[in-house]
């Protein structure tokens, strides 16, 4: 059986867009506001991929059991809304690939938890 692929579905963060620096900056803003240790960008890279609740659960000492978890989550959200485009940009080659795929007639969609 021959299958013809006519649609490409992408994830947004970490696939099309490099959002890591903005995510790390917002995590660390929240950590600093609540008096917790900050995380390296590489540490945050290991925490992303399952939404902001899981990200913050891993970033905050004691996770959701921490009495300051909700405040950290609120601080993260407020900061990220204001700063999510500071450093975020497409990965190299992404825009060219999307243009070629469009010209080749592929249908494209993005699935994201944003």
C-alpha atoms as a PDB file:
ATOM      1  CA  UNK A   1       0.000   0.000   0.000  1.00  0.00           C
ATOM      2  CA  UNK A   2       1.346   3.375  -0.998  1.00  0.00           C
ATOM      3  CA  UNK A   3       0.679   6.331   1.242  1.00  0.00           C
ATOM      4  CA  UNK A   4       0.896   9.897   0.123  1.00  0.00           C
ATOM      5  CA  UNK A   5       1.875  12.423   2.747  1.00  0.00           C
ATOM      6  CA  UNK A   6       0.126  15.711   2.155  1.00  0.00           C
ATOM      7  CA  UNK A   7       0.115  17.262   5.629  1.00  0.00           C
ATOM      8  CA  UNK A   8       2.922  18.169   8.023  1.00  0.00           C
ATOM      9  CA  UNK A   9       2.145  18.858  11.687  1.00  0.00           C
ATOM     10  CA  UNK A  10       4.699  20.676  13.806  1.00  0.00           C
ATOM     11  CA  UNK A  11       5.206  21.390  17.467  1.00  0.00           C
ATOM     12  CA  UNK A  12       6.013  25.050  18.058  1.00  0.00           C
ATOM     13  CA  UNK A  13       8.395  25.401  21.013  1.00  0.00           C
ATOM     14  CA  UNK A  14      11.692  23.656  20.512  1.00  0.00           C
ATOM     15  CA  UNK A  15      10.801  22.499  16.992  1.00  0.00           C
ATOM     16  CA  UNK A  16      10.016  25.575  14.913  1.00  0.00           C
ATOM     17  CA  UNK A  17      10.944  28.216  17.468  1.00  0.00           C
ATOM     18  CA  UNK A  18      13.871  28.434  19.837  1.00  0.00           C
ATOM     19  CA  UNK A  19      12.038  29.669  22.937  1.00  0.00           C
ATOM     20  CA  UNK A  20      14.491  28.383  25.530  1.00  0.00           C
ATOM     21  CA  UNK A  21      16.094  31.675  26.574  1.00  0.00           C
ATOM     22  CA  UNK A  22      12.744  33.398  27.109  1.00  0.00           C
ATOM     23  CA  UNK A  23      11.423  30.410  29.055  1.00  0.00           C
ATOM     24  CA  UNK A  24      14.562  30.257  31.210  1.00  0.00           C
ATOM     25  CA  UNK A  25      14.440  33.990  31.866  1.00  0.00           C
ATOM     26  CA  UNK A  26      10.823  33.755  32.995  1.00  0.00           C
ATOM     27  CA  UNK A  27      11.499  30.727  35.195  1.00  0.00           C
ATOM     28  CA  UNK A  28      14.392  32.537  36.829  1.00  0.00           C
ATOM     29  CA  UNK A  29      12.384  35.724  37.276  1.00  0.00           C
ATOM     30  CA  UNK A  30       9.833  33.699  39.232  1.00  0.00           C
ATOM     31  CA  UNK A  31      12.543  31.923  41.216  1.00  0.00           C
ATOM     32  CA  UNK A  32      14.209  35.194  42.185  1.00  0.00           C
ATOM     33  CA  UNK A  33      10.885  36.820  43.150  1.00  0.00           C
ATOM     34  CA  UNK A  34      10.203  33.978  45.570  1.00  0.00           C
ATOM     35  CA  UNK A  35      13.766  33.731  46.886  1.00  0.00           C
ATOM     36  CA  UNK A  36      14.599  30.397  45.241  1.00  0.00           C
ATOM     37  CA  UNK A  37      17.802  29.445  43.407  1.00  0.00           C
ATOM     38  CA  UNK A  38      17.852  30.132  39.671  1.00  0.00           C
ATOM     39  CA  UNK A  39      18.444  27.499  36.989  1.00  0.00           C
ATOM     40  CA  UNK A  40      20.885  27.428  34.096  1.00  0.00           C
ATOM     41  CA  UNK A  41      19.456  27.500  30.603  1.00  0.00           C
ATOM     42  CA  UNK A  42      20.632  23.914  30.160  1.00  0.00           C
ATOM     43  CA  UNK A  43      18.757  22.853  33.306  1.00  0.00           C
ATOM     44  CA  UNK A  44      15.592  24.538  32.030  1.00  0.00           C
ATOM     45  CA  UNK A  45      16.057  22.747  28.678  1.00  0.00           C
ATOM     46  CA  UNK A  46      15.676  19.473  30.586  1.00  0.00           C
ATOM     47  CA  UNK A  47      12.446  20.721  32.223  1.00  0.00           C
ATOM     48  CA  UNK A  48      10.545  21.908  29.133  1.00  0.00           C
ATOM     49  CA  UNK A  49       8.285  19.927  26.867  1.00  0.00           C
ATOM     50  CA  UNK A  50       5.251  19.139  28.979  1.00  0.00           C
ATOM     51  CA  UNK A  51       3.683  22.547  29.584  1.00  0.00           C
ATOM     52  CA  UNK A  52       4.287  25.276  32.121  1.00  0.00           C
ATOM     53  CA  UNK A  53       2.795  23.427  35.109  1.00  0.00           C
ATOM     54  CA  UNK A  54       5.316  20.615  34.742  1.00  0.00           C
ATOM     55  CA  UNK A  55       8.091  23.111  33.971  1.00  0.00           C
ATOM     56  CA  UNK A  56       7.405  25.042  37.161  1.00  0.00           C
ATOM     57  CA  UNK A  57       6.836  21.872  39.160  1.00  0.00           C
ATOM     58  CA  UNK A  58      10.389  20.870  38.289  1.00  0.00           C
ATOM     59  CA  UNK A  59      11.832  24.358  38.773  1.00  0.00           C
ATOM     60  CA  UNK A  60      10.314  25.121  42.183  1.00  0.00           C
ATOM     61  CA  UNK A  61      11.887  23.357  45.153  1.00  0.00           C
ATOM     62  CA  UNK A  62       9.395  20.717  46.355  1.00  0.00           C
ATOM     63  CA  UNK A  63       7.295  21.289  43.225  1.00  0.00           C
ATOM     64  CA  UNK A  64       3.551  21.686  43.727  1.00  0.00           C
ATOM     65  CA  UNK A  65       3.944  20.834  47.395  1.00  0.00           C
ATOM     66  CA  UNK A  66       5.779  24.129  47.899  1.00  0.00           C
ATOM     67  CA  UNK A  67       3.606  26.798  49.512  1.00  0.00           C
ATOM     68  CA  UNK A  68       4.972  29.342  47.010  1.00  0.00           C
ATOM     69  CA  UNK A  69       4.195  27.219  43.916  1.00  0.00           C
ATOM     70  CA  UNK A  70       1.122  29.215  42.874  1.00  0.00           C
ATOM     71  CA  UNK A  71       2.977  32.512  43.343  1.00  0.00           C
ATOM     72  CA  UNK A  72       5.882  31.207  41.229  1.00  0.00           C
ATOM     73  CA  UNK A  73       3.504  30.093  38.510  1.00  0.00           C
ATOM     74  CA  UNK A  74       1.804  33.509  38.532  1.00  0.00           C
ATOM     75  CA  UNK A  75       5.163  35.319  38.399  1.00  0.00           C
ATOM     76  CA  UNK A  76       6.301  33.084  35.531  1.00  0.00           C
ATOM     77  CA  UNK A  77       3.112  33.701  33.536  1.00  0.00           C
ATOM     78  CA  UNK A  78       3.192  37.465  33.991  1.00  0.00           C
ATOM     79  CA  UNK A  79       6.853  37.676  33.006  1.00  0.00           C
ATOM     80  CA  UNK A  80       6.509  35.317  30.047  1.00  0.00           C
ATOM     81  CA  UNK A  81       3.515  37.192  28.604  1.00  0.00           C
ATOM     82  CA  UNK A  82       5.566  40.396  28.652  1.00  0.00           C
ATOM     83  CA  UNK A  83       8.862  38.851  27.488  1.00  0.00           C
ATOM     84  CA  UNK A  84       8.075  35.790  25.350  1.00  0.00           C
ATOM     85  CA  UNK A  85       9.407  37.476  22.220  1.00  0.00           C
ATOM     86  CA  UNK A  86      12.605  38.964  23.641  1.00  0.00           C
ATOM     87  CA  UNK A  87      14.899  36.232  22.317  1.00  0.00           C
ATOM     88  CA  UNK A  88      12.532  33.747  20.653  1.00  0.00           C
ATOM     89  CA  UNK A  89      13.208  33.152  16.980  1.00  0.00           C
ATOM     90  CA  UNK A  90      12.868  30.381  14.416  1.00  0.00           C
ATOM     91  CA  UNK A  91      15.629  27.814  14.362  1.00  0.00           C
ATOM     92  CA  UNK A  92      18.037  28.174  11.420  1.00  0.00           C
ATOM     93  CA  UNK A  93      16.515  26.912   8.195  1.00  0.00           C
ATOM     94  CA  UNK A  94      12.947  26.693   9.496  1.00  0.00           C
ATOM     95  CA  UNK A  95      11.523  29.582   7.482  1.00  0.00           C
ATOM     96  CA  UNK A  96      13.150  28.336   4.280  1.00  0.00           C
ATOM     97  CA  UNK A  97      11.807  24.825   4.892  1.00  0.00           C
ATOM     98  CA  UNK A  98       8.277  26.130   5.529  1.00  0.00           C
ATOM     99  CA  UNK A  99       8.385  28.168   2.335  1.00  0.00           C
ATOM    100  CA  UNK A 100       9.535  25.140   0.308  1.00  0.00           C
ATOM    101  CA  UNK A 101       6.898  22.909   1.870  1.00  0.00           C
ATOM    102  CA  UNK A 102       4.224  25.502   1.111  1.00  0.00           C
ATOM    103  CA  UNK A 103       5.357  25.844  -2.505  1.00  0.00           C
ATOM    104  CA  UNK A 104       5.343  22.038  -2.804  1.00  0.00           C
ATOM    105  CA  UNK A 105       1.682  22.048  -1.780  1.00  0.00           C
ATOM    106  CA  UNK A 106       1.896  20.536   1.686  1.00  0.00           C
ATOM    107  CA  UNK A 107      -0.811  21.419   4.182  1.00  0.00           C
ATOM    108  CA  UNK A 108       0.775  22.494   7.454  1.00  0.00           C
ATOM    109  CA  UNK A 109      -0.443  22.846  11.018  1.00  0.00           C
ATOM    110  CA  UNK A 110       1.074  23.719  14.366  1.00  0.00           C
ATOM    111  CA  UNK A 111       0.072  21.956  17.571  1.00  0.00           C
ATOM    112  CA  UNK A 112       1.109  23.756  20.729  1.00  0.00           C
ATOM    113  CA  UNK A 113       0.108  24.007  24.358  1.00  0.00           C
ATOM    114  CA  UNK A 114       0.468  27.808  24.218  1.00  0.00           C
END
